[in-house]
Amino acid sequence: MTATAEAVRLAVRKKAFSRGFKDAATADPALDAQVAALLERQALAMLGFVNKAGLAVTGFAKVEAAVLQEPVAALVHASDASDDGVRKLGQAARRAGKSEIPSVRLFSGVELDLALGRSNVVHAALLAGPVSAAFLARYDALARYLGMDRTGPDEGPGRGEDARPSNEGSGDRPAETDRA
């Protein structure tokens, strides 16, 4: 069985670590969140390596051009990106005959800014290469751990909306409302 956050929560609750080690062992009740944070940090670090390898393209127009002209391994959208921008890039991928391009929408714009060393990253294309494949493997591990499935580039709301707390309905406006 693949470890998931739910499995870790259950193991902590049922004291499975003590039985597994055949000795007294205690696990932090927040172990599932700690593991998720470490997996997320690992995925974002690998995204930084993608950028350093020169395989990350950012900005809507450049991403759209890359989708049409380059071998793209994945599209990365900020979790707070508008669904319209995600949909338009999905349409561009279909026009280019690349509807199978995976889409990542788990990380916030701030996290993408830090990982890619740029400001205001909303959309990015990861060009094909071994480092991009390594990022996708780490992202898939994180998604599996969180119990999410990989979605295509234009399939509805992003994973970030499923996995992160939302301020929707709280009266708070997102800091950056002009994201495409």
N, C-alpha and C. Protein backbone atom coordinates (compact mmCIF):
# COMPACT_ATOMS: atom_id res chain seq x y z
N MET A 1 0.84 -1.18 0.00
CA MET A 1 0.00 0.00 0.00
C MET A 1 0.89 1.25 0.00
N THR A 2 0.54 2.22 -0.79
CA THR A 2 1.27 3.48 -0.84
C THR A 2 0.87 4.33 0.35
N ALA A 3 1.84 4.96 0.97
CA ALA A 3 1.55 5.81 2.12
C ALA A 3 0.75 7.02 1.67
N THR A 4 -0.30 7.30 2.39
CA THR A 4 -1.10 8.49 2.16
C THR A 4 -1.24 9.22 3.48
N ALA A 5 -1.67 10.45 3.40
CA ALA A 5 -1.87 11.21 4.64
C ALA A 5 -2.88 10.52 5.53
N GLU A 6 -3.93 9.98 4.93
CA GLU A 6 -4.95 9.28 5.70
C GLU A 6 -4.36 8.05 6.39
N ALA A 7 -3.51 7.29 5.69
CA ALA A 7 -2.88 6.11 6.29
C ALA A 7 -1.96 6.50 7.44
N VAL A 8 -1.24 7.60 7.30
CA VAL A 8 -0.36 8.06 8.39
C VAL A 8 -1.19 8.50 9.59
N ARG A 9 -2.28 9.23 9.34
CA ARG A 9 -3.16 9.64 10.44
C ARG A 9 -3.71 8.42 11.18
N LEU A 10 -4.13 7.41 10.42
CA LEU A 10 -4.66 6.19 11.01
C LEU A 10 -3.58 5.46 11.82
N ALA A 11 -2.37 5.37 11.28
CA ALA A 11 -1.27 4.70 11.98
C ALA A 11 -0.94 5.42 13.29
N VAL A 12 -0.96 6.74 13.28
CA VAL A 12 -0.70 7.49 14.51
C VAL A 12 -1.81 7.24 15.52
N ARG A 13 -3.05 7.29 15.05
CA ARG A 13 -4.20 7.12 15.94
C ARG A 13 -4.23 5.71 16.55
N LYS A 14 -3.86 4.69 15.76
CA LYS A 14 -3.91 3.30 16.25
C LYS A 14 -2.58 2.84 16.87
N LYS A 15 -1.64 3.76 16.99
CA LYS A 15 -0.33 3.46 17.59
C LYS A 15 0.38 2.31 16.86
N ALA A 16 0.29 2.33 15.54
CA ALA A 16 0.89 1.27 14.73
C ALA A 16 2.41 1.32 14.75
N PHE A 17 2.99 2.46 15.04
CA PHE A 17 4.45 2.56 15.06
C PHE A 17 5.03 1.72 16.20
N SER A 18 4.36 1.70 17.34
CA SER A 18 4.81 0.87 18.46
C SER A 18 4.77 -0.60 18.08
N ARG A 19 3.68 -1.02 17.45
CA ARG A 19 3.58 -2.42 17.03
C ARG A 19 4.61 -2.73 15.95
N GLY A 20 4.82 -1.82 15.02
CA GLY A 20 5.77 -2.05 13.93
C GLY A 20 7.20 -2.15 14.43
N PHE A 21 7.56 -1.33 15.39
CA PHE A 21 8.92 -1.35 15.94
C PHE A 21 9.07 -2.36 17.08
N LYS A 22 7.94 -2.94 17.52
CA LYS A 22 7.92 -3.90 18.64
C LYS A 22 8.60 -3.31 19.87
N ASP A 23 8.37 -2.02 20.05
CA ASP A 23 8.91 -1.30 21.19
C ASP A 23 8.07 -0.04 21.37
N ALA A 24 8.18 0.55 22.51
CA ALA A 24 7.43 1.77 22.76
C ALA A 24 7.89 2.88 21.80
N ALA A 25 6.95 3.43 21.07
CA ALA A 25 7.26 4.51 20.13
C ALA A 25 6.07 5.46 20.10
N THR A 26 6.36 6.73 20.08
CA THR A 26 5.28 7.71 19.96
C THR A 26 5.51 8.50 18.68
N ALA A 27 4.42 8.82 18.05
CA ALA A 27 4.48 9.62 16.82
C ALA A 27 3.73 10.92 17.05
N ASP A 28 4.27 11.97 16.52
CA ASP A 28 3.63 13.28 16.63
C ASP A 28 2.26 13.21 15.95
N PRO A 29 1.21 13.70 16.60
CA PRO A 29 -0.11 13.69 15.98
C PRO A 29 -0.15 14.46 14.65
N ALA A 30 0.77 15.37 14.45
CA ALA A 30 0.81 16.15 13.21
C ALA A 30 1.78 15.55 12.19
N LEU A 31 2.12 14.28 12.34
CA LEU A 31 3.08 13.63 11.45
C LEU A 31 2.63 13.70 10.00
N ASP A 32 1.34 13.51 9.76
CA ASP A 32 0.85 13.55 8.38
C ASP A 32 1.10 14.91 7.73
N ALA A 33 0.91 15.99 8.47
CA ALA A 33 1.16 17.33 7.94
C ALA A 33 2.65 17.58 7.74
N GLN A 34 3.47 17.04 8.63
CA GLN A 34 4.92 17.20 8.49
C GLN A 34 5.43 16.48 7.24
N VAL A 35 4.92 15.29 7.00
CA VAL A 35 5.32 14.54 5.80
C VAL A 35 4.86 15.29 4.55
N ALA A 36 3.64 15.80 4.56
CA ALA A 36 3.13 16.56 3.41
C ALA A 36 4.00 17.78 3.15
N ALA A 37 4.40 18.48 4.20
CA ALA A 37 5.25 19.67 4.04
C ALA A 37 6.61 19.30 3.46
N LEU A 38 7.16 18.18 3.90
CA LEU A 38 8.46 17.74 3.36
C LEU A 38 8.34 17.34 1.88
N LEU A 39 7.28 16.63 1.53
CA LEU A 39 7.08 16.25 0.13
C LEU A 39 6.88 17.49 -0.74
N GLU A 40 6.14 18.46 -0.22
CA GLU A 40 5.91 19.70 -0.96
C GLU A 40 7.22 20.46 -1.16
N ARG A 41 8.01 20.54 -0.10
CA ARG A 41 9.29 21.24 -0.19
C ARG A 41 10.21 20.56 -1.21
N GLN A 42 10.19 19.24 -1.22
CA GLN A 42 11.02 18.49 -2.16
C GLN A 42 10.57 18.75 -3.60
N ALA A 43 9.27 18.79 -3.84
CA ALA A 43 8.75 19.06 -5.19
C ALA A 43 9.11 20.48 -5.63
N LEU A 44 8.94 21.44 -4.74
CA LEU A 44 9.28 22.83 -5.09
C LEU A 44 10.78 23.00 -5.32
N ALA A 45 11.61 22.29 -4.56
CA ALA A 45 13.05 22.35 -4.78
C ALA A 45 13.40 21.79 -6.17
N MET A 46 12.74 20.72 -6.55
CA MET A 46 12.99 20.15 -7.87
C MET A 46 12.50 21.10 -8.96
N LEU A 47 11.43 21.84 -8.70
CA LEU A 47 10.96 22.84 -9.66
C LEU A 47 12.02 23.92 -9.83
N GLY A 48 12.70 24.27 -8.76
CA GLY A 48 13.82 25.21 -8.84
C GLY A 48 14.94 24.67 -9.72
N PHE A 49 15.21 23.36 -9.63
CA PHE A 49 16.22 22.75 -10.50
C PHE A 49 15.80 22.78 -11.97
N VAL A 50 14.49 22.62 -12.21
CA VAL A 50 13.99 22.72 -13.58
C VAL A 50 14.30 24.10 -14.13
N ASN A 51 14.07 25.12 -13.32
CA ASN A 51 14.36 26.48 -13.73
C ASN A 51 15.86 26.68 -13.99
N LYS A 52 16.69 26.17 -13.08
CA LYS A 52 18.14 26.31 -13.24
C LYS A 52 18.65 25.58 -14.48
N ALA A 53 17.95 24.52 -14.88
CA ALA A 53 18.33 23.79 -16.08
C ALA A 53 17.85 24.50 -17.34
N GLY A 54 17.14 25.61 -17.18
CA GLY A 54 16.65 26.36 -18.34
C GLY A 54 15.44 25.74 -19.00
N LEU A 55 14.70 24.91 -18.26
CA LEU A 55 13.56 24.22 -18.84
C LEU A 55 12.22 24.78 -18.38
N ALA A 56 12.23 25.92 -17.70
CA ALA A 56 10.98 26.54 -17.25
C ALA A 56 10.72 27.81 -18.05
N VAL A 57 9.52 27.91 -18.57
CA VAL A 57 9.08 29.10 -19.32
C VAL A 57 7.93 29.69 -18.52
N THR A 58 7.98 30.99 -18.24
CA THR A 58 6.91 31.62 -17.45
C THR A 58 6.29 32.76 -18.23
N GLY A 59 5.09 33.14 -17.82
CA GLY A 59 4.35 34.21 -18.46
C GLY A 59 3.37 33.62 -19.46
N PHE A 60 2.15 34.10 -19.44
CA PHE A 60 1.08 33.50 -20.25
C PHE A 60 1.47 33.40 -21.73
N ALA A 61 1.90 34.50 -22.33
CA ALA A 61 2.20 34.49 -23.77
C ALA A 61 3.35 33.54 -24.09
N LYS A 62 4.39 33.53 -23.26
CA LYS A 62 5.53 32.64 -23.50
C LYS A 62 5.14 31.18 -23.30
N VAL A 63 4.29 30.93 -22.31
CA VAL A 63 3.84 29.55 -22.08
C VAL A 63 2.99 29.09 -23.25
N GLU A 64 2.11 29.96 -23.73
CA GLU A 64 1.28 29.60 -24.88
C GLU A 64 2.14 29.30 -26.10
N ALA A 65 3.15 30.12 -26.35
CA ALA A 65 4.06 29.89 -27.47
C ALA A 65 4.82 28.58 -27.29
N ALA A 66 5.25 28.29 -26.08
CA ALA A 66 5.97 27.03 -25.81
C ALA A 66 5.07 25.83 -26.06
N VAL A 67 3.82 25.93 -25.63
CA VAL A 67 2.87 24.83 -25.86
C VAL A 67 2.71 24.56 -27.35
N LEU A 68 2.69 25.62 -28.14
CA LEU A 68 2.50 25.47 -29.58
C LEU A 68 3.76 25.02 -30.31
N GLN A 69 4.96 25.33 -29.78
CA GLN A 69 6.18 25.12 -30.54
C GLN A 69 7.20 24.18 -29.91
N GLU A 70 7.11 23.92 -28.61
CA GLU A 70 8.15 23.17 -27.90
C GLU A 70 7.60 21.85 -27.36
N PRO A 71 8.49 20.91 -27.06
CA PRO A 71 8.04 19.70 -26.37
C PRO A 71 7.85 20.02 -24.88
N VAL A 72 6.62 20.14 -24.45
CA VAL A 72 6.30 20.54 -23.08
C VAL A 72 5.99 19.31 -22.25
N ALA A 73 6.66 19.18 -21.10
CA ALA A 73 6.44 18.04 -20.20
C ALA A 73 5.25 18.27 -19.30
N ALA A 74 4.99 19.52 -18.91
CA ALA A 74 3.88 19.83 -18.01
C ALA A 74 3.60 21.31 -18.01
N LEU A 75 2.37 21.65 -17.67
CA LEU A 75 1.98 23.03 -17.43
C LEU A 75 1.81 23.20 -15.93
N VAL A 76 2.32 24.28 -15.39
CA VAL A 76 2.19 24.57 -13.97
C VAL A 76 1.41 25.87 -13.85
N HIS A 77 0.33 25.81 -13.09
CA HIS A 77 -0.50 26.99 -12.87
C HIS A 77 -0.54 27.25 -11.37
N ALA A 78 -0.49 28.50 -10.98
CA ALA A 78 -0.65 28.85 -9.58
C ALA A 78 -2.05 28.41 -9.13
N SER A 79 -2.17 27.96 -7.90
CA SER A 79 -3.48 27.54 -7.40
C SER A 79 -4.48 28.69 -7.41
N ASP A 80 -3.96 29.92 -7.38
CA ASP A 80 -4.84 31.09 -7.40
C ASP A 80 -4.97 31.70 -8.80
N ALA A 81 -4.53 30.97 -9.83
CA ALA A 81 -4.69 31.44 -11.20
C ALA A 81 -6.16 31.35 -11.60
N SER A 82 -6.55 32.21 -12.50
CA SER A 82 -7.95 32.18 -12.92
C SER A 82 -8.20 30.94 -13.77
N ASP A 83 -9.40 30.40 -13.66
CA ASP A 83 -9.76 29.24 -14.45
C ASP A 83 -9.75 29.57 -15.94
N ASP A 84 -10.01 30.83 -16.28
CA ASP A 84 -10.03 31.25 -17.68
C ASP A 84 -8.64 31.11 -18.31
N GLY A 85 -7.60 31.55 -17.61
CA GLY A 85 -6.24 31.42 -18.13
C GLY A 85 -5.84 29.96 -18.29
N VAL A 86 -6.21 29.13 -17.32
CA VAL A 86 -5.92 27.70 -17.39
C VAL A 86 -6.64 27.08 -18.58
N ARG A 87 -7.90 27.47 -18.77
CA ARG A 87 -8.70 26.95 -19.88
C ARG A 87 -8.09 27.34 -21.22
N LYS A 88 -7.65 28.59 -21.34
CA LYS A 88 -7.06 29.06 -22.61
C LYS A 88 -5.78 28.30 -22.94
N LEU A 89 -4.96 28.02 -21.95
CA LEU A 89 -3.74 27.25 -22.21
C LEU A 89 -4.08 25.81 -22.57
N GLY A 90 -5.14 25.27 -21.95
CA GLY A 90 -5.61 23.93 -22.32
C GLY A 90 -6.08 23.89 -23.76
N GLN A 91 -6.76 24.95 -24.20
CA GLN A 91 -7.20 25.03 -25.59
C GLN A 91 -6.00 25.11 -26.54
N ALA A 92 -4.99 25.86 -26.15
CA ALA A 92 -3.78 25.95 -26.97
C ALA A 92 -3.12 24.58 -27.10
N ALA A 93 -3.10 23.84 -26.01
CA ALA A 93 -2.51 22.49 -26.05
C ALA A 93 -3.31 21.59 -26.99
N ARG A 94 -4.62 21.67 -26.93
CA ARG A 94 -5.44 20.86 -27.84
C ARG A 94 -5.22 21.26 -29.29
N ARG A 95 -5.12 22.58 -29.56
CA ARG A 95 -4.85 23.04 -30.93
C ARG A 95 -3.53 22.50 -31.45
N ALA A 96 -2.56 22.37 -30.55
CA ALA A 96 -1.24 21.86 -30.95
C ALA A 96 -1.19 20.34 -30.96
N GLY A 97 -2.32 19.69 -30.65
CA GLY A 97 -2.36 18.23 -30.60
C GLY A 97 -1.65 17.66 -29.39
N LYS A 98 -1.58 18.44 -28.32
CA LYS A 98 -0.87 18.03 -27.10
C LYS A 98 -1.82 18.01 -25.91
N SER A 99 -3.00 17.45 -26.08
CA SER A 99 -3.99 17.47 -24.99
C SER A 99 -3.58 16.59 -23.81
N GLU A 100 -2.56 15.78 -23.96
CA GLU A 100 -2.12 14.89 -22.88
C GLU A 100 -1.12 15.56 -21.93
N ILE A 101 -0.79 16.82 -22.15
CA ILE A 101 0.17 17.50 -21.27
C ILE A 101 -0.41 17.57 -19.86
N PRO A 102 0.32 17.03 -18.87
CA PRO A 102 -0.18 17.11 -17.50
C PRO A 102 -0.20 18.54 -16.98
N SER A 103 -1.08 18.77 -16.03
CA SER A 103 -1.23 20.09 -15.44
C SER A 103 -1.04 20.01 -13.94
N VAL A 104 -0.27 20.93 -13.40
CA VAL A 104 0.00 21.00 -11.96
C VAL A 104 -0.62 22.29 -11.46
N ARG A 105 -1.48 22.17 -10.45
CA ARG A 105 -2.13 23.37 -9.93
C ARG A 105 -2.25 23.30 -8.41
N LEU A 106 -1.20 22.86 -7.78
CA LEU A 106 -1.20 22.67 -6.34
C LEU A 106 -0.54 23.82 -5.59
N PHE A 107 0.41 24.49 -6.20
CA PHE A 107 1.23 25.47 -5.50
C PHE A 107 0.70 26.88 -5.71
N SER A 108 0.81 27.70 -4.68
CA SER A 108 0.36 29.09 -4.78
C SER A 108 1.32 29.90 -5.64
N GLY A 109 0.88 31.07 -6.05
CA GLY A 109 1.74 31.95 -6.84
C GLY A 109 3.00 32.34 -6.08
N VAL A 110 2.89 32.55 -4.80
CA VAL A 110 4.06 32.91 -3.98
C VAL A 110 5.06 31.76 -3.97
N GLU A 111 4.58 30.53 -3.82
CA GLU A 111 5.47 29.36 -3.83
C GLU A 111 6.15 29.21 -5.18
N LEU A 112 5.40 29.45 -6.25
CA LEU A 112 6.00 29.37 -7.59
C LEU A 112 7.03 30.48 -7.78
N ASP A 113 6.72 31.68 -7.28
CA ASP A 113 7.68 32.80 -7.35
C ASP A 113 9.01 32.40 -6.72
N LEU A 114 8.94 31.83 -5.53
CA LEU A 114 10.16 31.44 -4.81
C LEU A 114 10.89 30.31 -5.51
N ALA A 115 10.16 29.32 -5.97
CA ALA A 115 10.79 28.16 -6.60
C ALA A 115 11.45 28.53 -7.93
N LEU A 116 10.81 29.42 -8.68
CA LEU A 116 11.31 29.76 -10.01
C LEU A 116 12.16 31.02 -10.02
N GLY A 117 12.31 31.67 -8.87
CA GLY A 117 13.17 32.83 -8.77
C GLY A 117 12.68 34.03 -9.57
N ARG A 118 11.38 34.13 -9.73
CA ARG A 118 10.77 35.25 -10.45
C ARG A 118 9.59 35.75 -9.65
N SER A 119 9.11 36.92 -10.00
CA SER A 119 7.93 37.43 -9.30
C SER A 119 6.70 37.29 -10.19
N ASN A 120 5.57 37.14 -9.54
CA ASN A 120 4.27 37.06 -10.20
C ASN A 120 4.15 35.90 -11.19
N VAL A 121 4.60 34.73 -10.80
CA VAL A 121 4.45 33.55 -11.66
C VAL A 121 3.04 33.02 -11.49
N VAL A 122 2.31 32.97 -12.60
CA VAL A 122 0.96 32.44 -12.60
C VAL A 122 0.92 31.16 -13.42
N HIS A 123 1.57 31.18 -14.59
CA HIS A 123 1.60 30.02 -15.49
C HIS A 123 3.05 29.74 -15.86
N ALA A 124 3.37 28.47 -15.96
CA ALA A 124 4.71 28.07 -16.40
C ALA A 124 4.58 26.81 -17.23
N ALA A 125 5.48 26.67 -18.18
CA ALA A 125 5.57 25.44 -18.96
C ALA A 125 6.92 24.83 -18.64
N LEU A 126 6.92 23.54 -18.40
CA LEU A 126 8.17 22.82 -18.16
C LEU A 126 8.51 22.07 -19.42
N LEU A 127 9.63 22.44 -20.03
CA LEU A 127 10.04 21.79 -21.26
C LEU A 127 10.54 20.39 -20.95
N ALA A 128 10.41 19.50 -21.91
CA ALA A 128 10.78 18.10 -21.72
C ALA A 128 12.25 17.99 -21.38
N GLY A 129 12.56 17.13 -20.44
CA GLY A 129 13.92 16.87 -20.02
C GLY A 129 13.92 16.03 -18.76
N PRO A 130 15.05 15.47 -18.41
CA PRO A 130 15.10 14.60 -17.22
C PRO A 130 14.78 15.32 -15.92
N VAL A 131 15.13 16.58 -15.82
CA VAL A 131 14.84 17.31 -14.58
C VAL A 131 13.34 17.58 -14.47
N SER A 132 12.69 17.85 -15.58
CA SER A 132 11.24 18.04 -15.57
C SER A 132 10.55 16.74 -15.16
N ALA A 133 11.06 15.61 -15.68
CA ALA A 133 10.50 14.31 -15.32
C ALA A 133 10.69 14.04 -13.83
N ALA A 134 11.84 14.44 -13.28
CA ALA A 134 12.09 14.25 -11.86
C ALA A 134 11.12 15.11 -11.03
N PHE A 135 10.85 16.35 -11.47
CA PHE A 135 9.86 17.17 -10.77
C PHE A 135 8.50 16.49 -10.80
N LEU A 136 8.09 16.00 -11.97
CA LEU A 136 6.78 15.36 -12.07
C LEU A 136 6.68 14.13 -11.18
N ALA A 137 7.77 13.38 -11.04
CA ALA A 137 7.76 12.22 -10.16
C ALA A 137 7.56 12.65 -8.71
N ARG A 138 8.22 13.72 -8.30
CA ARG A 138 8.06 14.20 -6.93
C ARG A 138 6.68 14.81 -6.72
N TYR A 139 6.18 15.50 -7.74
CA TYR A 139 4.84 16.04 -7.66
C TYR A 139 3.81 14.91 -7.55
N ASP A 140 3.99 13.87 -8.36
CA ASP A 140 3.06 12.73 -8.31
C ASP A 140 3.08 12.08 -6.93
N ALA A 141 4.25 11.96 -6.32
CA ALA A 141 4.34 11.39 -4.97
C ALA A 141 3.55 12.25 -3.98
N LEU A 142 3.69 13.57 -4.09
CA LEU A 142 2.95 14.48 -3.23
C LEU A 142 1.45 14.35 -3.48
N ALA A 143 1.04 14.33 -4.74
CA ALA A 143 -0.38 14.22 -5.08
C ALA A 143 -0.96 12.91 -4.56
N ARG A 144 -0.23 11.81 -4.71
CA ARG A 144 -0.69 10.52 -4.19
C ARG A 144 -0.83 10.59 -2.67
N TYR A 145 0.16 11.18 -2.02
CA TYR A 145 0.13 11.28 -0.56
C TYR A 145 -1.10 12.07 -0.10
N LEU A 146 -1.41 13.14 -0.82
CA LEU A 146 -2.56 13.97 -0.47
C LEU A 146 -3.88 13.38 -0.94
N GLY A 147 -3.81 12.28 -1.72
CA GLY A 147 -5.02 11.62 -2.20
C GLY A 147 -5.65 12.30 -3.39
N MET A 148 -4.82 12.91 -4.25
CA MET A 148 -5.33 13.61 -5.43
C MET A 148 -4.93 12.87 -6.68
N ASP A 149 -5.72 13.04 -7.73
CA ASP A 149 -5.40 12.48 -9.05
C ASP A 149 -4.83 13.57 -9.92
N ARG A 150 -4.02 13.17 -10.91
CA ARG A 150 -3.48 14.14 -11.86
C ARG A 150 -4.61 14.55 -12.79
N THR A 151 -4.70 15.85 -13.07
CA THR A 151 -5.72 16.34 -13.99
C THR A 151 -5.06 16.87 -15.24
N GLY A 152 -5.85 17.05 -16.29
CA GLY A 152 -5.36 17.64 -17.52
C GLY A 152 -5.28 19.14 -17.38
N PRO A 153 -4.77 19.82 -18.40
CA PRO A 153 -4.53 21.26 -18.30
C PRO A 153 -5.77 22.11 -18.20
N ASP A 154 -6.94 21.60 -18.56
CA ASP A 154 -8.12 22.46 -18.55
C ASP A 154 -9.31 21.83 -17.84
N GLU A 155 -9.06 20.94 -16.91
CA GLU A 155 -10.15 20.23 -16.26
C GLU A 155 -10.53 20.88 -14.94
N GLY A 156 -11.29 21.93 -15.00
CA GLY A 156 -11.90 22.50 -13.82
C GLY A 156 -10.96 23.13 -12.83
N PRO A 157 -11.45 23.28 -11.59
CA PRO A 157 -10.68 23.95 -10.55
C PRO A 157 -9.39 23.22 -10.25
N GLY A 158 -8.43 23.97 -9.77
CA GLY A 158 -7.11 23.40 -9.53
C GLY A 158 -7.04 22.59 -8.26
N ARG A 159 -6.00 21.83 -8.17
CA ARG A 159 -5.78 21.00 -7.00
C ARG A 159 -5.57 21.84 -5.77
N GLY A 160 -5.02 23.02 -5.96
CA GLY A 160 -4.77 23.87 -4.81
C GLY A 160 -6.06 24.20 -4.08
N GLU A 161 -7.16 24.28 -4.80
CA GLU A 161 -8.43 24.56 -4.17
C GLU A 161 -8.89 23.37 -3.34
N ASP A 162 -8.49 22.16 -3.73
CA ASP A 162 -8.88 20.97 -2.99
C ASP A 162 -8.00 20.75 -1.77
N ALA A 163 -6.73 21.12 -1.85
CA ALA A 163 -5.76 20.73 -0.84
C ALA A 163 -5.43 21.83 0.16
N ARG A 164 -5.80 23.04 -0.12
CA ARG A 164 -5.40 24.14 0.75
C ARG A 164 -6.62 24.85 1.30
N PRO A 165 -6.46 25.46 2.47
CA PRO A 165 -7.56 26.24 3.00
C PRO A 165 -7.89 27.39 2.06
N SER A 166 -9.14 27.70 1.96
CA SER A 166 -9.58 28.76 1.06
C SER A 166 -10.09 29.93 1.87
N ASN A 167 -9.90 31.14 1.34
CA ASN A 167 -10.48 32.30 2.01
C ASN A 167 -11.78 32.70 1.32
N GLU A 168 -12.28 31.82 0.44
CA GLU A 168 -13.50 32.10 -0.28
C GLU A 168 -14.66 32.22 0.71
N GLY A 169 -15.43 33.24 0.58
CA GLY A 169 -16.56 33.46 1.45
C GLY A 169 -16.21 34.11 2.78
N SER A 170 -14.92 34.37 3.00
CA SER A 170 -14.52 34.95 4.27
C SER A 170 -14.55 36.47 4.23
N GLY A 171 -14.78 37.01 3.04
CA GLY A 171 -14.77 38.46 2.91
C GLY A 171 -13.41 39.00 2.53
N ASP A 172 -12.37 38.14 2.61
CA ASP A 172 -11.03 38.57 2.24
C ASP A 172 -10.87 38.48 0.73
N ARG A 173 -10.27 39.50 0.16
CA ARG A 173 -9.95 39.45 -1.26
C ARG A 173 -8.54 38.93 -1.41
N PRO A 174 -8.30 38.09 -2.40
CA PRO A 174 -6.94 37.67 -2.64
C PRO A 174 -6.05 38.86 -2.93
N ALA A 175 -4.80 38.78 -2.54
CA ALA A 175 -3.87 39.89 -2.72
C ALA A 175 -3.69 40.25 -4.18
N GLU A 176 -3.68 39.25 -5.03
CA GLU A 176 -3.44 39.50 -6.46
C GLU A 176 -4.64 39.00 -7.25
N THR A 177 -5.54 39.90 -7.60
CA THR A 177 -6.76 39.52 -8.27
C THR A 177 -6.65 39.62 -9.79
N ASP A 178 -5.51 40.10 -10.30
CA ASP A 178 -5.40 40.28 -11.75
C ASP A 178 -4.70 39.10 -12.42
N ARG A 179 -4.60 37.98 -11.75
CA ARG A 179 -3.93 36.81 -12.32
C ARG A 179 -4.77 36.24 -13.45
N ALA A 180 -4.10 35.98 -14.56
CA ALA A 180 -4.82 35.41 -15.71
C ALA A 180 -4.75 33.91 -15.69
